[in-house]
Amino acid sequence: MSDAKVLKISLDGANEELHFPSYSSLKRWIVTERERWDWLNPTSSSANQFNIAINLQTNFDHLQQIIHNNEASQVPVSNNLDTIQEIYSSRRLIWSQSVVGDTIAMIIDQVGIEAAAFAAGLHMRIVNLGSATSAEQIKGAVLYSFPAGFDAELAAKRFALERANFRDAARAAARAHEAALAHAEQRAMVIVERGKGIAAKAFTAARASWRSDQQRFGEATETSIDAINAVRMTYQEFMKLKAPVEYWQAKSVEHKFAEKKAWRTLTSYFGIAIIALAVTFYAAVALLLSSTTKATSPIVAVIVSAGLAAISALIFWVGRILTKLYLSEHHLRYDASERAVMTETYLSLTETGAATESDRQIILGALFRSSSDGIVKDDGMPEIGLAAFLSKVGVK
């Protein structure tokens, strides 16, 4: 049914208001909101690892059922305000046009669905930071906690915005204080004309009101200063660790390309080496068969066998070195990636005020520790001489 009243709702701290003059407009809004969260598919393992998608869809079902029942019972549309406000303020649903909704949409574009789903779960209090099981989920948590994306320019703009908000709040409080004072003075003059006793009481009340306004102004000023100091400390910490993060991210990319190159070299080498060994063994067998009628065949057999053993040992030794080089690049790539992610997580904790000095020491120790190349220092080139070969055969 249609209602003459207009329902106005402000959700998730956003400044915009929603107007619902009828149930049809309210139901269209809910359907549109639900469609904007269709990427949270309960059948997708990346989007529903912690039942985040199921929780969101279930809450939408619950809200739609309430609206349907109220419409059937001819309840005025304005009576749905408290229900919608409670569901969104308790974080069971997320308004797609709110700051959090925009942040999650940004995470989808920059990282992917798995990271965005984990960020939605954090906001809905389904998961916490310790629930993350993959690098994508950690990135989602970092971007949800620190939407500036570790961009120095955005962090500087954010600091400037906080400072501008403080100035505006201070000016508004000062204007309100001046207006209140002027009003109190005007009231005092009127009351003085009516009688000194009444004027004294009115002045006392006005002074108490002025002191109360002054106290509120002081509290608002302290709150704004604390907020600015928190942003400034986060910005300073970010600038200190920005260069190491960029360095280790670049090193990770560098080792990734080196790892691919080492893998191609390794596979190509073993492919060629296997073919060369096959050809060599075939030629050696042919030579031995052609020399079986000659008196020197035993000597030829020994020499050929020793040569084959030496060539095989040399080929496999080189292959072992190439394998170690590939594993070294693989190890260094993961080490660089882990350092970058650890630093980004620490910056997120700093933003929310959850990081302590001991955490800072742990992060700095891990970030600036010496890197191991992952190569075990072992023997040099194997002994491929005939004497060494015969001595090994004799030992066996």
Protein backbone atom coordinates (compact mmCIF):
# COMPACT_ATOMS: atom_id res chain seq x y z
CA MET A 1 0.00 0.00 0.00
CA SER A 2 1.05 3.66 -0.42
CA ASP A 3 1.84 5.89 2.56
CA ALA A 4 1.52 9.69 2.59
CA LYS A 5 4.63 10.01 4.73
CA VAL A 6 8.14 10.00 3.24
CA LEU A 7 10.62 7.67 4.94
CA LYS A 8 14.12 9.18 5.28
CA ILE A 9 17.00 6.90 6.29
CA SER A 10 20.70 7.72 6.76
CA LEU A 11 22.86 4.58 6.71
CA ASP A 12 26.48 3.72 7.63
CA GLY A 13 27.38 7.28 8.51
CA ALA A 14 26.78 8.50 4.93
CA ASN A 15 25.45 12.01 4.39
CA GLU A 16 22.89 10.99 1.77
CA GLU A 17 19.28 10.27 2.69
CA LEU A 18 16.99 7.66 1.14
CA HIS A 19 13.35 8.51 0.44
CA PHE A 20 10.69 5.76 0.34
CA PRO A 21 7.18 7.15 -0.25
CA SER A 22 5.74 3.65 -0.80
CA TYR A 23 6.41 -0.05 -0.32
CA SER A 24 7.13 -0.49 -4.04
CA SER A 25 10.02 2.01 -3.90
CA LEU A 26 11.34 0.38 -0.71
CA LYS A 27 11.24 -3.10 -2.24
CA ARG A 28 12.95 -1.88 -5.44
CA TRP A 29 15.73 -0.41 -3.34
CA ILE A 30 16.27 -3.69 -1.48
CA VAL A 31 16.34 -5.68 -4.77
CA THR A 32 18.85 -3.23 -6.26
CA GLU A 33 21.05 -3.44 -3.16
CA ARG A 34 20.96 -7.23 -3.27
CA GLU A 35 21.96 -7.30 -6.94
CA ARG A 36 25.02 -5.18 -6.15
CA TRP A 37 26.22 -7.96 -3.83
CA ASP A 38 25.60 -10.81 -6.31
CA TRP A 39 29.36 -11.30 -6.64
CA LEU A 40 29.24 -12.80 -3.12
CA ASN A 41 28.00 -16.14 -4.47
CA PRO A 42 27.46 -18.86 -1.82
CA THR A 43 28.59 -21.49 -4.37
CA SER A 44 31.97 -19.80 -4.85
CA SER A 45 34.71 -21.15 -2.59
CA SER A 46 36.66 -17.87 -2.72
CA ALA A 47 33.61 -15.76 -1.78
CA ASN A 48 32.09 -18.11 0.81
CA GLN A 49 35.08 -19.62 2.60
CA PHE A 50 33.82 -18.42 6.00
CA ASN A 51 30.07 -18.51 5.10
CA ILE A 52 30.26 -14.76 4.44
CA ALA A 53 28.09 -14.94 1.31
CA ILE A 54 25.54 -17.20 3.00
CA ASN A 55 25.25 -14.79 5.96
CA LEU A 56 24.74 -11.80 3.68
CA GLN A 57 22.10 -13.49 1.50
CA THR A 58 20.29 -14.85 4.58
CA ASN A 59 20.09 -11.35 6.08
CA PHE A 60 18.67 -10.00 2.80
CA ASP A 61 16.06 -12.80 2.86
CA HIS A 62 15.16 -11.88 6.44
CA LEU A 63 14.78 -8.16 5.59
CA GLN A 64 12.62 -8.88 2.52
CA GLN A 65 10.39 -11.20 4.53
CA ILE A 66 9.84 -8.51 7.19
CA ILE A 67 8.93 -5.91 4.54
CA HIS A 68 6.57 -8.39 2.84
CA ASN A 69 4.80 -9.22 6.14
CA ASN A 70 4.45 -5.53 7.08
CA GLU A 71 2.98 -4.68 3.67
CA ALA A 72 0.50 -7.58 3.92
CA SER A 73 -0.51 -6.35 7.39
CA GLN A 74 -0.98 -2.79 6.02
CA VAL A 75 1.69 -1.41 8.36
CA PRO A 76 2.71 2.16 7.30
CA VAL A 77 5.93 2.15 5.31
CA SER A 78 7.50 4.61 7.76
CA ASN A 79 7.29 1.97 10.51
CA ASN A 80 10.07 0.01 8.76
CA LEU A 81 12.68 2.64 9.64
CA ASP A 82 13.80 1.10 12.91
CA THR A 83 14.12 -2.39 11.38
CA ILE A 84 16.26 -1.25 8.44
CA GLN A 85 18.36 1.05 10.63
CA GLU A 86 19.01 -1.76 13.16
CA ILE A 87 20.01 -4.34 10.52
CA TYR A 88 22.52 -1.99 8.88
CA SER A 89 23.87 -0.43 12.10
CA SER A 90 24.51 -3.92 13.53
CA ARG A 91 26.59 -4.68 10.39
CA ARG A 92 24.45 -7.61 9.28
CA LEU A 93 24.20 -5.86 5.90
CA ILE A 94 26.43 -3.30 4.14
CA TRP A 95 25.06 -0.37 2.17
CA SER A 96 26.75 -0.46 -1.25
CA GLN A 97 26.87 3.37 -1.46
CA SER A 98 28.51 3.84 1.94
CA VAL A 99 32.22 4.41 2.58
CA VAL A 100 32.65 0.72 3.45
CA GLY A 101 30.72 -0.32 0.33
CA ASP A 102 32.95 1.88 -1.86
CA THR A 103 36.07 0.47 -0.16
CA ILE A 104 34.98 -3.14 -0.84
CA ALA A 105 34.22 -2.26 -4.47
CA MET A 106 37.74 -0.82 -4.75
CA ILE A 107 39.21 -4.03 -3.30
CA ILE A 108 37.37 -6.08 -5.98
CA ASP A 109 38.91 -3.94 -8.72
CA GLN A 110 42.44 -3.89 -7.28
CA VAL A 111 42.82 -7.37 -5.73
CA GLY A 112 39.86 -9.67 -6.41
CA ILE A 113 36.74 -11.31 -5.01
CA GLU A 114 38.52 -13.36 -2.32
CA ALA A 115 40.09 -10.24 -0.78
CA ALA A 116 36.82 -8.27 -1.03
CA ALA A 117 34.81 -11.11 0.56
CA PHE A 118 37.25 -11.25 3.48
CA ALA A 119 36.98 -7.45 3.92
CA ALA A 120 33.17 -7.76 3.98
CA GLY A 121 33.50 -10.51 6.60
CA LEU A 122 35.67 -8.24 8.75
CA HIS A 123 33.07 -5.47 8.62
CA MET A 124 30.23 -7.91 9.41
CA ARG A 125 32.32 -9.32 12.32
CA ILE A 126 32.21 -12.84 10.86
CA VAL A 127 36.02 -13.13 10.71
CA ASN A 128 38.98 -11.34 12.24
CA LEU A 129 42.53 -10.64 11.09
CA GLY A 130 43.75 -13.94 12.51
CA SER A 131 41.31 -15.86 10.29
CA ALA A 132 43.22 -14.97 7.10
CA THR A 133 44.66 -18.04 5.37
CA SER A 134 46.00 -16.53 2.14
CA ALA A 135 47.88 -13.51 0.87
CA GLU A 136 44.73 -12.30 -0.94
CA GLN A 137 42.76 -12.29 2.32
CA ILE A 138 45.56 -10.40 4.10
CA LYS A 139 45.54 -7.78 1.33
CA GLY A 140 41.78 -7.44 1.68
CA ALA A 141 42.13 -6.91 5.44
CA VAL A 142 44.91 -4.31 4.90
CA LEU A 143 42.92 -2.32 2.33
CA TYR A 144 39.77 -2.49 4.49
CA SER A 145 41.69 -1.15 7.52
CA PHE A 146 43.79 1.32 5.52
CA PRO A 147 41.79 2.35 2.40
CA ALA A 148 44.45 4.86 1.30
CA GLY A 149 46.23 1.85 -0.25
CA PHE A 150 49.64 2.94 1.07
CA ASP A 151 49.64 5.84 -1.38
CA ALA A 152 51.64 8.76 0.06
CA GLU A 153 49.57 11.33 -1.83
CA LEU A 154 46.28 9.93 -0.50
CA ALA A 155 47.70 9.80 3.03
CA ALA A 156 48.76 13.44 2.76
CA LYS A 157 45.29 14.40 1.47
CA ARG A 158 43.72 12.54 4.35
CA PHE A 159 45.89 14.41 6.84
CA ALA A 160 44.96 17.72 5.19
CA LEU A 161 41.25 16.79 5.31
CA GLU A 162 41.46 16.01 9.04
CA ARG A 163 43.14 19.34 9.63
CA ALA A 164 40.48 21.19 7.59
CA ASN A 165 37.71 19.41 9.52
CA PHE A 166 39.30 20.51 12.78
CA ARG A 167 39.47 24.12 11.61
CA ASP A 168 35.82 24.05 10.50
CA ALA A 169 34.72 22.51 13.80
CA ALA A 170 36.69 25.11 15.76
CA ARG A 171 35.19 27.98 13.76
CA ALA A 172 31.66 26.60 14.13
CA ALA A 173 32.14 26.19 17.87
CA ALA A 174 33.50 29.72 18.15
CA ARG A 175 30.54 31.15 16.21
CA ALA A 176 28.11 29.18 18.36
CA HIS A 177 29.89 30.42 21.46
CA GLU A 178 29.71 34.04 20.28
CA ALA A 179 26.03 33.70 19.42
CA ALA A 180 25.29 32.12 22.79
CA LEU A 181 27.20 34.87 24.58
CA ALA A 182 25.38 37.61 22.65
CA HIS A 183 22.05 35.97 23.41
CA ALA A 184 22.96 35.72 27.10
CA GLU A 185 23.93 39.41 27.24
CA GLN A 186 20.65 40.45 25.59
CA ARG A 187 18.65 38.37 28.01
CA ALA A 188 20.57 39.85 30.93
CA MET A 189 19.76 43.44 29.91
CA VAL A 190 16.04 42.70 29.62
CA ILE A 191 16.01 40.98 32.96
CA VAL A 192 17.94 43.82 34.64
CA GLU A 193 15.18 46.21 33.67
CA ARG A 194 12.59 43.97 35.30
CA GLY A 195 14.44 43.54 38.54
CA LYS A 196 17.85 43.04 40.04
CA GLY A 197 16.92 39.78 41.66
CA ILE A 198 15.62 38.23 38.46
CA ALA A 199 18.64 39.60 36.55
CA ALA A 200 21.06 37.95 39.00
CA LYS A 201 19.38 34.57 38.59
CA ALA A 202 19.33 34.86 34.78
CA PHE A 203 22.99 35.88 34.68
CA THR A 204 23.93 32.89 36.83
CA ALA A 205 22.08 30.57 34.45
CA ALA A 206 23.68 32.21 31.41
CA ARG A 207 27.14 31.90 32.95
CA ALA A 208 26.53 28.22 33.65
CA SER A 209 25.43 27.74 30.03
CA TRP A 210 28.51 29.59 28.80
CA ARG A 211 30.79 27.42 30.92
CA SER A 212 29.06 24.31 29.62
CA ASP A 213 29.55 25.50 26.03
CA GLN A 214 33.17 26.29 26.81
CA GLN A 215 33.68 22.80 28.24
CA ARG A 216 32.10 21.16 25.18
CA PHE A 217 34.28 23.30 22.94
CA GLY A 218 37.38 22.23 24.85
CA GLU A 219 36.42 18.55 24.61
CA ALA A 220 35.74 18.86 20.88
CA THR A 221 39.11 20.59 20.41
CA GLU A 222 40.98 17.85 22.29
CA THR A 223 39.20 15.11 20.30
CA SER A 224 40.09 16.78 17.01
CA ILE A 225 43.73 17.25 18.06
CA ASP A 226 43.99 13.58 19.05
CA ALA A 227 42.57 12.53 15.67
CA ILE A 228 45.04 14.76 13.81
CA ASN A 229 47.96 13.44 15.88
CA ALA A 230 46.91 9.85 15.12
CA VAL A 231 46.80 10.56 11.38
CA ARG A 232 50.15 12.37 11.55
CA MET A 233 51.82 9.46 13.39
CA THR A 234 50.43 6.97 10.87
CA TYR A 235 51.62 9.13 7.98
CA GLN A 236 55.10 9.49 9.45
CA GLU A 237 55.37 5.74 10.09
CA PHE A 238 54.16 5.07 6.55
CA MET A 239 56.79 7.37 5.03
CA LYS A 240 59.50 5.61 7.07
CA LEU A 241 58.54 2.17 5.78
CA LYS A 242 57.39 3.13 2.27
CA ALA A 243 60.86 2.71 0.71
CA PRO A 244 61.49 -0.79 2.20
CA VAL A 245 58.05 -1.96 1.04
CA GLU A 246 58.65 -0.72 -2.50
CA TYR A 247 62.15 -2.23 -2.48
CA TRP A 248 61.00 -5.71 -1.43
CA GLN A 249 58.07 -5.63 -3.85
CA ALA A 250 60.50 -4.79 -6.68
CA LYS A 251 62.87 -7.55 -5.51
CA SER A 252 59.99 -10.03 -5.52
CA VAL A 253 59.18 -9.18 -9.14
CA GLU A 254 62.88 -9.35 -10.07
CA HIS A 255 63.33 -12.80 -8.50
CA LYS A 256 60.10 -13.99 -10.13
CA PHE A 257 61.49 -13.29 -13.61
CA ALA A 258 64.85 -14.79 -12.63
CA GLU A 259 63.06 -17.89 -11.34
CA LYS A 260 61.22 -18.35 -14.66
CA LYS A 261 64.46 -17.92 -16.58
CA ALA A 262 66.27 -20.45 -14.36
CA TRP A 263 63.40 -22.93 -14.83
CA ARG A 264 63.55 -22.63 -18.62
CA THR A 265 67.32 -23.06 -18.52
CA LEU A 266 67.04 -26.10 -16.26
CA THR A 267 64.40 -27.88 -18.34
CA SER A 268 66.23 -27.10 -21.60
CA TYR A 269 69.51 -28.34 -20.19
CA PHE A 270 68.15 -31.67 -18.97
CA GLY A 271 66.29 -32.21 -22.25
CA ILE A 272 69.47 -31.69 -24.27
CA ALA A 273 71.58 -33.63 -21.73
CA ILE A 274 69.31 -36.70 -21.89
CA ILE A 275 69.45 -36.72 -25.68
CA ALA A 276 73.24 -36.26 -25.64
CA LEU A 277 73.68 -39.10 -23.14
CA ALA A 278 71.50 -41.38 -25.25
CA VAL A 279 73.51 -40.62 -28.38
CA THR A 280 76.81 -41.08 -26.51
CA PHE A 281 75.77 -44.41 -25.02
CA TYR A 282 74.57 -45.58 -28.41
CA ALA A 283 77.90 -44.65 -30.01
CA ALA A 284 79.80 -46.32 -27.17
CA VAL A 285 77.85 -49.56 -27.57
CA ALA A 286 78.45 -49.49 -31.31
CA LEU A 287 82.18 -48.99 -30.73
CA LEU A 288 82.38 -51.87 -28.25
CA LEU A 289 80.50 -54.20 -30.57
CA SER A 290 82.81 -53.33 -33.47
CA SER A 291 85.91 -54.03 -31.38
CA THR A 292 84.91 -57.43 -29.94
CA THR A 293 87.03 -59.32 -32.45
CA LYS A 294 90.15 -57.36 -31.74
CA ALA A 295 92.73 -58.18 -29.12
CA THR A 296 92.48 -54.75 -27.51
CA SER A 297 88.74 -54.96 -26.86
CA PRO A 298 89.05 -55.20 -23.03
CA ILE A 299 91.19 -52.07 -22.95
CA VAL A 300 88.78 -50.25 -25.25
CA ALA A 301 85.86 -51.30 -23.07
CA VAL A 302 87.52 -49.97 -19.92
CA ILE A 303 88.41 -46.65 -21.55
CA VAL A 304 84.95 -46.21 -23.04
CA SER A 305 83.25 -47.08 -19.74
CA ALA A 306 85.42 -44.63 -17.85
CA GLY A 307 84.69 -41.92 -20.40
CA LEU A 308 80.95 -42.56 -20.18
CA ALA A 309 81.07 -42.41 -16.39
CA ALA A 310 83.02 -39.14 -16.48
CA ILE A 311 80.66 -37.53 -18.98
CA SER A 312 77.58 -38.66 -17.01
CA ALA A 313 79.00 -37.34 -13.73
CA LEU A 314 79.85 -34.00 -15.34
CA ILE A 315 76.39 -33.62 -16.90
CA PHE A 316 74.54 -34.43 -13.65
CA TRP A 317 76.84 -32.17 -11.62
CA VAL A 318 76.05 -29.20 -13.90
CA GLY A 319 72.34 -30.11 -13.70
CA ARG A 320 72.56 -30.10 -9.92
CA ILE A 321 74.06 -26.60 -9.93
CA LEU A 322 71.29 -25.32 -12.24
CA THR A 323 68.65 -26.90 -9.98
CA LYS A 324 70.10 -25.12 -6.94
CA LEU A 325 70.12 -21.80 -8.80
CA TYR A 326 66.43 -22.24 -9.65
CA LEU A 327 65.54 -23.11 -6.04
CA SER A 328 67.53 -20.10 -4.82
CA GLU A 329 65.49 -17.67 -6.95
CA HIS A 330 62.28 -19.37 -5.80
CA HIS A 331 63.30 -18.97 -2.13
CA LEU A 332 64.33 -15.31 -2.55
CA ARG A 333 61.06 -14.41 -4.31
CA TYR A 334 58.92 -15.77 -1.47
CA ASP A 335 61.17 -14.13 1.11
CA ALA A 336 60.77 -10.69 -0.52
CA SER A 337 56.98 -11.09 -0.85
CA GLU A 338 56.65 -12.07 2.82
CA ARG A 339 58.62 -9.01 3.96
CA ALA A 340 56.42 -6.65 1.93
CA VAL A 341 53.17 -8.21 3.23
CA MET A 342 54.44 -8.14 6.85
CA THR A 343 55.24 -4.43 6.56
CA GLU A 344 51.86 -3.60 5.00
CA THR A 345 50.09 -5.50 7.79
CA TYR A 346 52.07 -3.56 10.41
CA LEU A 347 51.04 -0.26 8.77
CA SER A 348 47.40 -1.37 8.94
CA LEU A 349 47.77 -2.14 12.65
CA THR A 350 49.39 1.26 13.16
CA GLU A 351 46.41 2.94 11.48
CA THR A 352 43.98 1.32 13.91
CA GLY A 353 46.27 1.89 16.92
CA ALA A 354 46.72 -1.84 17.54
CA ALA A 355 50.50 -1.94 16.93
CA THR A 356 52.88 -1.71 19.92
CA GLU A 357 56.56 -0.87 20.15
CA SER A 358 57.40 -4.57 20.47
CA ASP A 359 55.49 -5.24 17.23
CA ARG A 360 57.52 -2.51 15.57
CA GLN A 361 60.78 -4.12 16.69
CA ILE A 362 59.63 -7.50 15.35
CA ILE A 363 58.67 -6.02 11.96
CA LEU A 364 61.91 -4.04 11.64
CA GLY A 365 63.95 -7.11 12.63
CA ALA A 366 62.21 -9.24 10.01
CA LEU A 367 62.39 -6.51 7.36
CA PHE A 368 66.09 -5.78 7.68
CA ARG A 369 67.45 -9.25 8.43
CA SER A 370 70.06 -10.61 6.05
CA SER A 371 68.68 -12.65 3.18
CA SER A 372 69.74 -16.25 2.65
CA ASP A 373 70.05 -17.35 -0.99
CA GLY A 374 68.78 -20.82 -0.12
CA ILE A 375 71.80 -22.58 -1.67
CA VAL A 376 73.46 -25.23 0.48
CA LYS A 377 77.24 -24.93 0.22
CA ASP A 378 78.42 -28.45 -0.64
CA ASP A 379 81.09 -30.25 -2.62
CA GLY A 380 82.72 -28.93 -5.73
CA MET A 381 82.90 -30.76 -9.04
CA PRO A 382 82.82 -34.58 -8.62
CA GLU A 383 85.92 -36.68 -9.23
CA ILE A 384 85.73 -37.93 -12.80
CA GLY A 385 89.22 -39.41 -13.24
CA LEU A 386 89.80 -43.04 -14.13
CA ALA A 387 91.69 -43.66 -10.91
CA ALA A 388 88.85 -42.26 -8.81
CA PHE A 389 86.33 -44.36 -10.71
CA LEU A 390 88.33 -47.57 -10.25
CA SER A 391 88.90 -46.84 -6.57
CA LYS A 392 85.15 -46.43 -6.05
CA VAL A 393 84.48 -49.65 -7.92
CA GLY A 394 87.09 -51.41 -5.76
CA VAL A 395 85.51 -50.12 -2.55
CA LYS A 396 82.12 -51.45 -3.63
